[in-house]
N, C-alpha and C. Protein backbone atom coordinates (compact mmCIF):
# COMPACT_ATOMS: atom_id res chain seq x y z
N MET A 1 5.03 43.17 58.12
CA MET A 1 6.38 42.61 58.07
C MET A 1 6.94 42.49 59.48
N ASN A 2 7.43 41.28 59.83
CA ASN A 2 7.98 41.13 61.17
C ASN A 2 9.37 41.73 61.25
N THR A 3 9.86 41.84 62.49
CA THR A 3 11.14 42.51 62.72
C THR A 3 12.29 41.80 62.01
N GLY A 4 12.24 40.45 62.02
CA GLY A 4 13.31 39.68 61.37
C GLY A 4 13.39 39.96 59.89
N ASN A 5 12.23 39.98 59.22
CA ASN A 5 12.22 40.25 57.78
C ASN A 5 12.65 41.68 57.48
N LYS A 6 12.22 42.61 58.33
CA LYS A 6 12.60 44.01 58.13
C LYS A 6 14.10 44.18 58.25
N THR A 7 14.68 43.53 59.25
CA THR A 7 16.13 43.60 59.44
C THR A 7 16.86 42.98 58.26
N ARG A 8 16.35 41.82 57.81
CA ARG A 8 16.96 41.15 56.65
C ARG A 8 16.93 42.05 55.42
N ASP A 9 15.79 42.70 55.20
CA ASP A 9 15.66 43.58 54.03
C ASP A 9 16.61 44.77 54.12
N MET A 10 16.76 45.31 55.31
CA MET A 10 17.68 46.45 55.48
C MET A 10 19.12 46.03 55.24
N VAL A 11 19.47 44.83 55.70
CA VAL A 11 20.82 44.32 55.47
C VAL A 11 21.06 44.10 53.97
N LEU A 12 20.08 43.48 53.31
CA LEU A 12 20.21 43.26 51.87
C LEU A 12 20.31 44.59 51.12
N ALA A 13 19.50 45.56 51.53
CA ALA A 13 19.55 46.87 50.88
C ALA A 13 20.93 47.50 51.05
N ALA A 14 21.50 47.36 52.24
CA ALA A 14 22.84 47.91 52.49
C ALA A 14 23.88 47.23 51.60
N ILE A 15 23.73 45.93 51.41
CA ILE A 15 24.65 45.19 50.53
C ILE A 15 24.52 45.68 49.09
N PHE A 16 23.28 45.86 48.65
CA PHE A 16 23.07 46.35 47.28
C PHE A 16 23.62 47.77 47.10
N VAL A 17 23.46 48.60 48.12
CA VAL A 17 24.03 49.96 48.06
C VAL A 17 25.55 49.88 47.91
N ALA A 18 26.17 49.03 48.72
CA ALA A 18 27.63 48.88 48.65
C ALA A 18 28.05 48.39 47.26
N LEU A 19 27.31 47.45 46.70
CA LEU A 19 27.63 46.94 45.37
C LEU A 19 27.53 48.03 44.31
N ILE A 20 26.48 48.83 44.40
CA ILE A 20 26.29 49.91 43.43
C ILE A 20 27.46 50.90 43.49
N ILE A 21 27.86 51.26 44.70
CA ILE A 21 28.96 52.21 44.87
C ILE A 21 30.27 51.63 44.36
N ILE A 22 30.53 50.37 44.72
CA ILE A 22 31.77 49.72 44.25
C ILE A 22 31.78 49.64 42.73
N MET A 23 30.66 49.23 42.15
CA MET A 23 30.60 49.07 40.69
C MET A 23 30.69 50.41 39.97
N ALA A 24 30.17 51.46 40.60
CA ALA A 24 30.19 52.78 39.97
C ALA A 24 31.59 53.36 39.88
N PHE A 25 32.45 52.99 40.83
CA PHE A 25 33.77 53.62 40.89
C PHE A 25 34.92 52.66 40.59
N THR A 26 34.59 51.48 40.09
CA THR A 26 35.62 50.51 39.71
C THR A 26 35.25 49.88 38.38
N PRO A 27 36.18 49.16 37.76
CA PRO A 27 35.85 48.46 36.50
C PRO A 27 34.83 47.34 36.66
N PHE A 28 34.49 46.96 37.90
CA PHE A 28 33.53 45.88 38.11
C PHE A 28 32.13 46.23 37.59
N GLY A 29 31.90 47.50 37.31
CA GLY A 29 30.60 47.92 36.81
C GLY A 29 30.42 47.74 35.32
N TYR A 30 31.41 47.11 34.69
CA TYR A 30 31.36 46.96 33.23
C TYR A 30 31.80 45.56 32.83
N ILE A 31 31.17 45.02 31.78
CA ILE A 31 31.56 43.73 31.23
C ILE A 31 32.00 43.94 29.79
N PRO A 32 33.26 43.62 29.46
CA PRO A 32 33.71 43.78 28.07
C PRO A 32 33.06 42.75 27.15
N LEU A 33 32.46 43.24 26.07
CA LEU A 33 31.81 42.35 25.10
C LEU A 33 32.59 42.29 23.79
N GLY A 34 33.77 42.87 23.77
CA GLY A 34 34.56 42.89 22.55
C GLY A 34 34.37 44.19 21.79
N PHE A 35 33.12 44.47 21.40
CA PHE A 35 32.85 45.68 20.64
C PHE A 35 32.42 46.85 21.54
N MET A 36 32.21 46.58 22.82
CA MET A 36 31.82 47.62 23.77
C MET A 36 31.96 47.08 25.18
N ASN A 37 31.90 47.99 26.15
CA ASN A 37 31.83 47.60 27.56
C ASN A 37 30.39 47.79 28.03
N ALA A 38 29.74 46.70 28.39
CA ALA A 38 28.34 46.77 28.83
C ALA A 38 28.28 47.24 30.29
N THR A 39 27.53 48.30 30.52
CA THR A 39 27.34 48.79 31.89
C THR A 39 26.39 47.86 32.63
N ILE A 40 26.78 47.47 33.84
CA ILE A 40 25.91 46.59 34.64
C ILE A 40 25.63 47.18 36.02
N ILE A 41 25.91 48.48 36.19
CA ILE A 41 25.71 49.10 37.50
C ILE A 41 24.23 49.06 37.90
N HIS A 42 23.35 49.05 36.91
CA HIS A 42 21.92 49.04 37.21
C HIS A 42 21.40 47.66 37.63
N VAL A 43 22.20 46.62 37.45
CA VAL A 43 21.73 45.27 37.78
C VAL A 43 21.41 45.10 39.27
N PRO A 44 22.25 45.59 40.21
CA PRO A 44 21.86 45.49 41.62
C PRO A 44 20.56 46.23 41.94
N VAL A 45 20.29 47.30 41.20
CA VAL A 45 19.02 48.02 41.39
C VAL A 45 17.85 47.12 41.00
N ILE A 46 17.98 46.45 39.86
CA ILE A 46 16.92 45.57 39.37
C ILE A 46 16.71 44.40 40.32
N ILE A 47 17.80 43.75 40.70
CA ILE A 47 17.69 42.59 41.59
C ILE A 47 17.15 43.01 42.94
N GLY A 48 17.63 44.12 43.46
CA GLY A 48 17.14 44.62 44.74
C GLY A 48 15.65 44.91 44.70
N ALA A 49 15.18 45.47 43.60
CA ALA A 49 13.76 45.78 43.47
C ALA A 49 12.92 44.51 43.43
N VAL A 50 13.38 43.51 42.69
CA VAL A 50 12.64 42.25 42.59
C VAL A 50 12.53 41.58 43.95
N ILE A 51 13.62 41.59 44.70
CA ILE A 51 13.64 40.90 46.00
C ILE A 51 12.98 41.71 47.10
N LEU A 52 13.23 43.01 47.11
CA LEU A 52 12.82 43.85 48.24
C LEU A 52 11.58 44.70 47.97
N GLY A 53 11.20 44.85 46.71
CA GLY A 53 10.01 45.63 46.40
C GLY A 53 10.33 46.97 45.76
N PRO A 54 9.30 47.66 45.27
CA PRO A 54 9.51 48.89 44.50
C PRO A 54 10.06 50.06 45.30
N LYS A 55 9.73 50.14 46.60
CA LYS A 55 10.26 51.25 47.40
C LYS A 55 11.78 51.15 47.53
N TYR A 56 12.24 49.96 47.85
CA TYR A 56 13.69 49.75 47.91
C TYR A 56 14.30 49.91 46.52
N GLY A 57 13.57 49.46 45.50
CA GLY A 57 14.06 49.62 44.13
C GLY A 57 14.27 51.07 43.77
N GLY A 58 13.31 51.92 44.14
CA GLY A 58 13.46 53.35 43.89
C GLY A 58 14.62 53.94 44.67
N PHE A 59 14.77 53.48 45.91
CA PHE A 59 15.88 53.97 46.75
C PHE A 59 17.23 53.58 46.16
N LEU A 60 17.35 52.32 45.73
CA LEU A 60 18.61 51.87 45.14
C LEU A 60 18.90 52.61 43.83
N GLY A 61 17.86 52.88 43.08
CA GLY A 61 18.03 53.67 41.86
C GLY A 61 18.52 55.08 42.18
N MET A 62 18.02 55.64 43.27
CA MET A 62 18.48 56.96 43.69
C MET A 62 19.97 56.93 44.02
N ILE A 63 20.42 55.86 44.68
CA ILE A 63 21.85 55.73 44.98
C ILE A 63 22.66 55.68 43.69
N PHE A 64 22.18 54.92 42.73
CA PHE A 64 22.84 54.86 41.42
C PHE A 64 22.92 56.26 40.81
N GLY A 65 21.82 57.00 40.87
CA GLY A 65 21.81 58.35 40.33
C GLY A 65 22.79 59.27 41.04
N LEU A 66 22.88 59.13 42.35
CA LEU A 66 23.81 59.97 43.12
C LEU A 66 25.26 59.66 42.78
N THR A 67 25.58 58.38 42.54
CA THR A 67 26.95 58.06 42.14
C THR A 67 27.27 58.67 40.78
N SER A 68 26.29 58.66 39.89
CA SER A 68 26.48 59.27 38.58
C SER A 68 26.67 60.78 38.70
N LEU A 69 25.88 61.40 39.57
CA LEU A 69 26.01 62.83 39.80
C LEU A 69 27.39 63.17 40.34
N TRP A 70 27.86 62.39 41.30
CA TRP A 70 29.17 62.65 41.90
C TRP A 70 30.28 62.49 40.86
N LYS A 71 30.22 61.40 40.10
CA LYS A 71 31.27 61.15 39.11
C LYS A 71 31.31 62.23 38.05
N ASN A 72 30.14 62.61 37.56
CA ASN A 72 30.12 63.61 36.49
C ASN A 72 30.47 65.01 36.99
N THR A 73 30.28 65.24 38.28
CA THR A 73 30.66 66.53 38.86
C THR A 73 32.15 66.59 39.16
N ASN A 74 32.68 65.51 39.70
CA ASN A 74 34.07 65.51 40.16
C ASN A 74 35.06 64.88 39.17
N MET A 75 34.55 64.11 38.22
CA MET A 75 35.41 63.49 37.21
C MET A 75 34.79 63.74 35.83
N PRO A 76 34.63 65.00 35.45
CA PRO A 76 33.84 65.32 34.26
C PRO A 76 34.49 64.90 32.95
N ASN A 77 33.63 64.58 31.98
CA ASN A 77 34.06 64.35 30.60
C ASN A 77 33.32 65.37 29.73
N PRO A 78 33.53 65.37 28.42
CA PRO A 78 32.92 66.42 27.59
C PRO A 78 31.40 66.52 27.64
N THR A 79 30.71 65.45 28.05
CA THR A 79 29.24 65.51 28.10
C THR A 79 28.69 65.42 29.52
N SER A 80 29.54 65.62 30.52
CA SER A 80 29.09 65.50 31.91
C SER A 80 28.04 66.53 32.30
N PHE A 81 27.98 67.63 31.55
CA PHE A 81 27.00 68.67 31.89
C PHE A 81 25.56 68.19 31.77
N VAL A 82 25.33 67.12 31.00
CA VAL A 82 23.95 66.62 30.88
C VAL A 82 23.54 65.82 32.11
N PHE A 83 24.51 65.48 32.97
CA PHE A 83 24.22 64.71 34.18
C PHE A 83 24.44 65.50 35.47
N SER A 84 25.04 66.66 35.37
CA SER A 84 25.32 67.44 36.58
C SER A 84 25.09 68.92 36.34
N PRO A 85 24.28 69.54 37.20
CA PRO A 85 24.05 70.99 37.07
C PRO A 85 25.25 71.81 37.55
N PHE A 86 26.23 71.12 38.12
CA PHE A 86 27.39 71.82 38.69
C PHE A 86 28.58 71.86 37.74
N VAL A 87 28.38 71.35 36.53
CA VAL A 87 29.50 71.23 35.59
C VAL A 87 29.31 72.16 34.40
N LYS A 88 30.40 72.80 34.03
CA LYS A 88 30.43 73.58 32.80
C LYS A 88 31.61 73.08 31.98
N VAL A 89 31.33 72.59 30.80
CA VAL A 89 32.37 72.07 29.91
C VAL A 89 32.44 72.99 28.70
N GLY A 90 33.48 73.80 28.65
CA GLY A 90 33.56 74.78 27.58
C GLY A 90 32.41 75.76 27.67
N GLU A 91 31.67 75.88 26.59
CA GLU A 91 30.54 76.82 26.58
C GLU A 91 29.24 76.18 27.06
N TYR A 92 29.28 74.89 27.38
CA TYR A 92 28.06 74.18 27.77
C TYR A 92 28.04 73.91 29.27
N GLY A 93 26.91 74.20 29.89
CA GLY A 93 26.78 73.97 31.32
C GLY A 93 25.50 73.24 31.66
N GLY A 94 25.53 72.54 32.78
CA GLY A 94 24.36 71.82 33.23
C GLY A 94 23.34 72.74 33.88
N ASN A 95 22.15 72.20 34.12
CA ASN A 95 21.09 72.94 34.79
C ASN A 95 20.18 71.95 35.51
N LEU A 96 19.01 72.38 35.91
CA LEU A 96 18.12 71.47 36.63
C LEU A 96 17.71 70.27 35.77
N GLY A 97 17.71 70.46 34.46
CA GLY A 97 17.43 69.33 33.58
C GLY A 97 18.45 68.21 33.74
N SER A 98 19.68 68.59 34.09
CA SER A 98 20.72 67.59 34.31
C SER A 98 20.35 66.67 35.47
N LEU A 99 19.78 67.25 36.52
CA LEU A 99 19.35 66.44 37.67
C LEU A 99 18.22 65.49 37.28
N VAL A 100 17.33 65.97 36.43
CA VAL A 100 16.24 65.10 35.96
C VAL A 100 16.81 63.90 35.22
N ILE A 101 17.76 64.16 34.31
CA ILE A 101 18.37 63.07 33.54
C ILE A 101 19.13 62.12 34.45
N CYS A 102 19.83 62.67 35.41
CA CYS A 102 20.69 61.87 36.28
C CYS A 102 19.89 61.02 37.27
N MET A 103 18.77 61.55 37.75
CA MET A 103 18.07 60.89 38.85
C MET A 103 16.80 60.14 38.44
N VAL A 104 15.94 60.76 37.67
CA VAL A 104 14.62 60.17 37.41
C VAL A 104 14.69 58.81 36.73
N PRO A 105 15.45 58.65 35.63
CA PRO A 105 15.50 57.32 35.02
C PRO A 105 16.05 56.26 35.96
N ARG A 106 17.03 56.63 36.79
CA ARG A 106 17.65 55.67 37.69
C ARG A 106 16.67 55.25 38.79
N ILE A 107 15.90 56.19 39.30
CA ILE A 107 14.89 55.85 40.31
C ILE A 107 13.83 54.92 39.73
N LEU A 108 13.50 55.14 38.46
CA LEU A 108 12.45 54.34 37.83
C LEU A 108 12.92 52.94 37.43
N ILE A 109 14.23 52.71 37.36
CA ILE A 109 14.74 51.39 36.96
C ILE A 109 14.11 50.28 37.81
N GLY A 110 14.26 50.40 39.13
CA GLY A 110 13.78 49.36 40.02
C GLY A 110 12.27 49.28 40.07
N ILE A 111 11.62 50.42 40.01
CA ILE A 111 10.15 50.44 40.07
C ILE A 111 9.56 49.73 38.86
N VAL A 112 10.06 50.07 37.68
CA VAL A 112 9.58 49.42 36.46
C VAL A 112 9.90 47.93 36.48
N ALA A 113 11.13 47.60 36.87
CA ALA A 113 11.55 46.19 36.90
C ALA A 113 10.65 45.36 37.82
N TYR A 114 10.33 45.91 38.99
CA TYR A 114 9.50 45.18 39.94
C TYR A 114 8.12 44.88 39.36
N TYR A 115 7.48 45.88 38.77
CA TYR A 115 6.12 45.68 38.28
C TYR A 115 6.09 44.82 37.02
N VAL A 116 7.13 44.89 36.22
CA VAL A 116 7.23 43.97 35.08
C VAL A 116 7.39 42.54 35.58
N PHE A 117 8.24 42.36 36.58
CA PHE A 117 8.44 41.03 37.18
C PHE A 117 7.11 40.46 37.68
N LYS A 118 6.38 41.25 38.45
CA LYS A 118 5.11 40.79 38.99
C LYS A 118 4.09 40.54 37.88
N GLY A 119 4.09 41.41 36.88
CA GLY A 119 3.14 41.26 35.78
C GLY A 119 3.37 40.00 34.97
N VAL A 120 4.63 39.69 34.69
CA VAL A 120 4.95 38.49 33.92
C VAL A 120 4.66 37.24 34.75
N LEU A 121 4.97 37.28 36.04
CA LEU A 121 4.63 36.15 36.91
C LEU A 121 3.14 35.85 36.86
N LYS A 122 2.34 36.90 36.93
CA LYS A 122 0.89 36.73 36.91
C LYS A 122 0.42 36.23 35.55
N ALA A 123 1.00 36.78 34.48
CA ALA A 123 0.58 36.40 33.13
C ALA A 123 0.93 34.95 32.81
N LEU A 124 2.02 34.47 33.38
CA LEU A 124 2.48 33.10 33.09
C LEU A 124 2.16 32.14 34.23
N LYS A 125 1.19 32.48 35.03
CA LYS A 125 0.81 31.64 36.16
C LYS A 125 0.53 30.21 35.67
N GLY A 126 1.18 29.26 36.32
CA GLY A 126 1.00 27.86 35.93
C GLY A 126 2.12 27.34 35.05
N SER A 127 2.91 28.24 34.47
CA SER A 127 4.02 27.81 33.62
C SER A 127 5.24 27.53 34.48
N LYS A 128 5.96 26.47 34.16
CA LYS A 128 7.16 26.16 34.93
C LYS A 128 8.31 27.11 34.61
N PHE A 129 8.15 27.89 33.55
CA PHE A 129 9.19 28.84 33.17
C PHE A 129 8.88 30.27 33.63
N LYS A 130 7.82 30.41 34.43
CA LYS A 130 7.37 31.76 34.76
C LYS A 130 8.42 32.57 35.52
N MET A 131 9.14 31.95 36.45
CA MET A 131 10.14 32.69 37.22
C MET A 131 11.28 33.16 36.34
N THR A 132 11.80 32.26 35.52
CA THR A 132 12.90 32.64 34.62
C THR A 132 12.46 33.75 33.67
N ALA A 133 11.28 33.59 33.09
CA ALA A 133 10.78 34.60 32.15
C ALA A 133 10.55 35.94 32.84
N ALA A 134 10.00 35.90 34.05
CA ALA A 134 9.72 37.14 34.77
C ALA A 134 11.00 37.86 35.16
N LEU A 135 12.00 37.11 35.58
CA LEU A 135 13.28 37.73 35.95
C LEU A 135 13.98 38.30 34.72
N ALA A 136 13.95 37.57 33.62
CA ALA A 136 14.56 38.06 32.39
C ALA A 136 13.86 39.34 31.92
N ALA A 137 12.54 39.33 31.98
CA ALA A 137 11.77 40.50 31.57
C ALA A 137 12.08 41.70 32.47
N ALA A 138 12.22 41.44 33.76
CA ALA A 138 12.56 42.52 34.70
C ALA A 138 13.93 43.10 34.36
N GLY A 139 14.89 42.23 34.04
CA GLY A 139 16.22 42.70 33.68
C GLY A 139 16.20 43.57 32.44
N VAL A 140 15.50 43.10 31.42
CA VAL A 140 15.40 43.87 30.17
C VAL A 140 14.67 45.19 30.41
N ALA A 141 13.55 45.13 31.12
CA ALA A 141 12.75 46.34 31.34
C ALA A 141 13.51 47.38 32.16
N GLY A 142 14.18 46.93 33.22
CA GLY A 142 14.94 47.86 34.04
C GLY A 142 16.07 48.51 33.26
N SER A 143 16.78 47.71 32.49
CA SER A 143 17.90 48.23 31.72
C SER A 143 17.43 49.21 30.65
N LEU A 144 16.38 48.85 29.92
CA LEU A 144 15.89 49.73 28.86
C LEU A 144 15.24 50.98 29.42
N THR A 145 14.66 50.89 30.61
CA THR A 145 14.12 52.09 31.25
C THR A 145 15.22 53.12 31.42
N ASN A 146 16.37 52.66 31.88
CA ASN A 146 17.50 53.56 32.05
C ASN A 146 17.97 54.12 30.71
N THR A 147 18.24 53.25 29.76
CA THR A 147 18.80 53.69 28.49
C THR A 147 17.85 54.60 27.72
N LEU A 148 16.60 54.17 27.59
CA LEU A 148 15.65 54.94 26.78
C LEU A 148 15.34 56.30 27.40
N LEU A 149 15.14 56.32 28.71
CA LEU A 149 14.83 57.59 29.36
C LEU A 149 16.03 58.53 29.36
N VAL A 150 17.20 58.02 29.69
CA VAL A 150 18.38 58.88 29.73
C VAL A 150 18.65 59.48 28.36
N MET A 151 18.70 58.64 27.34
CA MET A 151 19.08 59.14 26.02
C MET A 151 18.02 60.07 25.43
N ASN A 152 16.75 59.76 25.64
CA ASN A 152 15.70 60.63 25.11
C ASN A 152 15.61 61.94 25.88
N LEU A 153 15.81 61.89 27.19
CA LEU A 153 15.83 63.13 27.96
C LEU A 153 17.01 64.00 27.56
N ILE A 154 18.15 63.37 27.30
CA ILE A 154 19.30 64.14 26.82
C ILE A 154 18.94 64.86 25.52
N TYR A 155 18.27 64.14 24.63
CA TYR A 155 17.91 64.75 23.35
C TYR A 155 16.94 65.92 23.54
N PHE A 156 15.91 65.72 24.34
CA PHE A 156 14.90 66.76 24.49
C PHE A 156 15.37 67.95 25.33
N LEU A 157 16.27 67.69 26.28
CA LEU A 157 16.71 68.77 27.17
C LEU A 157 18.04 69.41 26.74
N PHE A 158 18.89 68.62 26.07
CA PHE A 158 20.21 69.13 25.70
C PHE A 158 20.62 68.69 24.29
N GLY A 159 19.66 68.46 23.42
CA GLY A 159 19.97 67.87 22.13
C GLY A 159 21.10 68.54 21.37
N LYS A 160 20.96 69.83 21.11
CA LYS A 160 21.96 70.55 20.32
C LYS A 160 23.30 70.59 21.03
N GLU A 161 23.27 70.90 22.33
CA GLU A 161 24.51 70.99 23.10
C GLU A 161 25.21 69.64 23.18
N TYR A 162 24.42 68.58 23.40
CA TYR A 162 25.00 67.23 23.48
C TYR A 162 25.62 66.83 22.15
N GLY A 163 24.91 67.09 21.07
CA GLY A 163 25.43 66.73 19.75
C GLY A 163 26.75 67.41 19.45
N GLN A 164 26.85 68.68 19.80
CA GLN A 164 28.09 69.41 19.53
C GLN A 164 29.21 68.97 20.46
N ALA A 165 28.88 68.75 21.73
CA ALA A 165 29.92 68.35 22.69
C ALA A 165 30.42 66.94 22.44
N ALA A 166 29.50 66.04 22.07
CA ALA A 166 29.87 64.63 21.90
C ALA A 166 30.48 64.34 20.54
N LYS A 167 29.87 64.88 19.50
CA LYS A 167 30.27 64.50 18.14
C LYS A 167 30.56 65.69 17.23
N GLY A 168 30.40 66.90 17.74
CA GLY A 168 30.57 68.07 16.90
C GLY A 168 29.47 68.22 15.87
N LEU A 169 28.28 67.72 16.20
CA LEU A 169 27.16 67.73 15.26
C LEU A 169 26.18 68.86 15.55
N THR A 170 25.57 69.36 14.51
CA THR A 170 24.46 70.29 14.66
C THR A 170 23.18 69.71 14.05
N GLU A 171 23.33 68.64 13.27
CA GLU A 171 22.19 67.96 12.67
C GLU A 171 22.34 66.45 12.86
N GLY A 172 21.23 65.75 12.70
CA GLY A 172 21.27 64.29 12.82
C GLY A 172 21.56 63.80 14.22
N ILE A 173 21.24 64.63 15.20
CA ILE A 173 21.58 64.28 16.58
C ILE A 173 20.76 63.09 17.07
N TYR A 174 19.49 63.05 16.69
CA TYR A 174 18.68 61.92 17.17
C TYR A 174 19.11 60.61 16.54
N THR A 175 19.69 60.67 15.35
CA THR A 175 20.25 59.46 14.74
C THR A 175 21.38 58.91 15.60
N VAL A 176 22.19 59.82 16.14
CA VAL A 176 23.26 59.41 17.06
C VAL A 176 22.67 58.79 18.32
N ILE A 177 21.60 59.40 18.83
CA ILE A 177 20.93 58.88 20.03
C ILE A 177 20.42 57.46 19.77
N ILE A 178 19.77 57.26 18.64
CA ILE A 178 19.25 55.93 18.28
C ILE A 178 20.40 54.93 18.16
N GLY A 179 21.50 55.38 17.60
CA GLY A 179 22.66 54.50 17.47
C GLY A 179 23.19 54.05 18.82
N ILE A 180 23.25 54.98 19.76
CA ILE A 180 23.72 54.64 21.11
C ILE A 180 22.76 53.67 21.78
N ILE A 181 21.47 53.90 21.60
CA ILE A 181 20.46 53.01 22.19
C ILE A 181 20.62 51.59 21.64
N CYS A 182 20.83 51.49 20.34
CA CYS A 182 20.95 50.16 19.72
C CYS A 182 22.28 49.49 20.05
N ILE A 183 23.36 50.23 19.92
CA ILE A 183 24.69 49.64 20.09
C ILE A 183 24.99 49.34 21.56
N ASN A 184 24.58 50.24 22.45
CA ASN A 184 24.84 50.04 23.88
C ASN A 184 23.64 49.45 24.61
N GLY A 185 22.47 50.02 24.35
CA GLY A 185 21.30 49.67 25.16
C GLY A 185 20.84 48.23 25.00
N ILE A 186 20.82 47.72 23.78
CA ILE A 186 20.32 46.36 23.56
C ILE A 186 21.25 45.31 24.17
N PRO A 187 22.57 45.38 23.92
CA PRO A 187 23.46 44.41 24.60
C PRO A 187 23.40 44.51 26.12
N GLU A 188 23.30 45.73 26.64
CA GLU A 188 23.22 45.89 28.09
C GLU A 188 21.94 45.27 28.64
N ALA A 189 20.85 45.38 27.90
CA ALA A 189 19.59 44.77 28.34
C ALA A 189 19.69 43.25 28.36
N ILE A 190 20.36 42.69 27.36
CA ILE A 190 20.54 41.23 27.31
C ILE A 190 21.40 40.76 28.48
N VAL A 191 22.50 41.49 28.72
CA VAL A 191 23.37 41.15 29.85
C VAL A 191 22.62 41.27 31.17
N ALA A 192 21.82 42.33 31.31
CA ALA A 192 21.04 42.52 32.53
C ALA A 192 20.06 41.38 32.75
N ALA A 193 19.44 40.91 31.67
CA ALA A 193 18.49 39.80 31.78
C ALA A 193 19.19 38.54 32.27
N ILE A 194 20.34 38.23 31.68
CA ILE A 194 21.08 37.02 32.06
C ILE A 194 21.51 37.09 33.53
N LEU A 195 22.08 38.22 33.93
CA LEU A 195 22.56 38.36 35.30
C LEU A 195 21.40 38.36 36.30
N THR A 196 20.31 39.02 35.94
CA THR A 196 19.16 39.07 36.84
C THR A 196 18.60 37.68 37.09
N VAL A 197 18.49 36.89 36.04
CA VAL A 197 17.99 35.51 36.19
C VAL A 197 18.93 34.70 37.07
N ALA A 198 20.21 34.70 36.74
CA ALA A 198 21.17 33.85 37.45
C ALA A 198 21.32 34.24 38.91
N ILE A 199 21.51 35.52 39.16
CA ILE A 199 21.80 35.97 40.53
C ILE A 199 20.55 35.92 41.40
N THR A 200 19.42 36.36 40.87
CA THR A 200 18.21 36.41 41.68
C THR A 200 17.71 35.01 42.04
N GLN A 201 17.77 34.09 41.10
CA GLN A 201 17.36 32.72 41.41
C GLN A 201 18.25 32.13 42.50
N ALA A 202 19.54 32.41 42.44
CA ALA A 202 20.46 31.92 43.48
C ALA A 202 20.12 32.55 44.83
N LEU A 203 19.83 33.84 44.83
CA LEU A 203 19.48 34.52 46.09
C LEU A 203 18.17 34.00 46.66
N PHE A 204 17.19 33.74 45.80
CA PHE A 204 15.92 33.19 46.28
C PHE A 204 16.13 31.84 46.96
N LYS A 205 17.01 31.01 46.38
CA LYS A 205 17.29 29.70 46.97
C LYS A 205 17.92 29.85 48.35
N VAL A 206 18.88 30.78 48.46
CA VAL A 206 19.54 31.02 49.75
C VAL A 206 18.54 31.53 50.78
N MET A 207 17.67 32.44 50.36
CA MET A 207 16.70 33.03 51.28
C MET A 207 15.66 32.03 51.75
N ARG A 208 15.39 31.00 50.94
CA ARG A 208 14.40 29.99 51.34
C ARG A 208 14.98 29.00 52.34
N ASN A 209 16.30 28.89 52.37
CA ASN A 209 16.95 27.93 53.29
C ASN A 209 17.08 28.49 54.70
């Protein structure tokens, strides 16, 4: 990589970091869909990974995780203990598992999105729709990586505590987890796909000029 490209990538990474931080701490990180607010904070991670590669994708995901850690530590809600080892909500407290939930899925968002993007491009080689399909697949894969890993890790590491803190449940907790994945995760994946296609294609055009 020449110096010019390296500098460009660092500048783009800095812009994506700024976007993640702004979106994490303002309403810009959410899109109202009527029945829910779709989280889109992970979209800059996905787009950054597609444009800059998996290493930057992992780094941007780490930034996303750190914003989540900060918010859940300093602005806690009843279930913040699953995202921060520094929080105790009533009788429930976080631990090292909280860091795993908060950081690992977010770091993997960009890495998974990048390799899905490359894989679909290769699989659809010769198709005029390959770029759109690859970007959409990257958006879906990155978003679902976050949702599926976070919610399943919560269940396996804090299932009983999460169920009681969130819904007052002692049974049927995984049913609640599945409900959250379906009600929140699927719409968020669709939104991520649309935004990833639209924004990344526009950025590619700008970068080629």
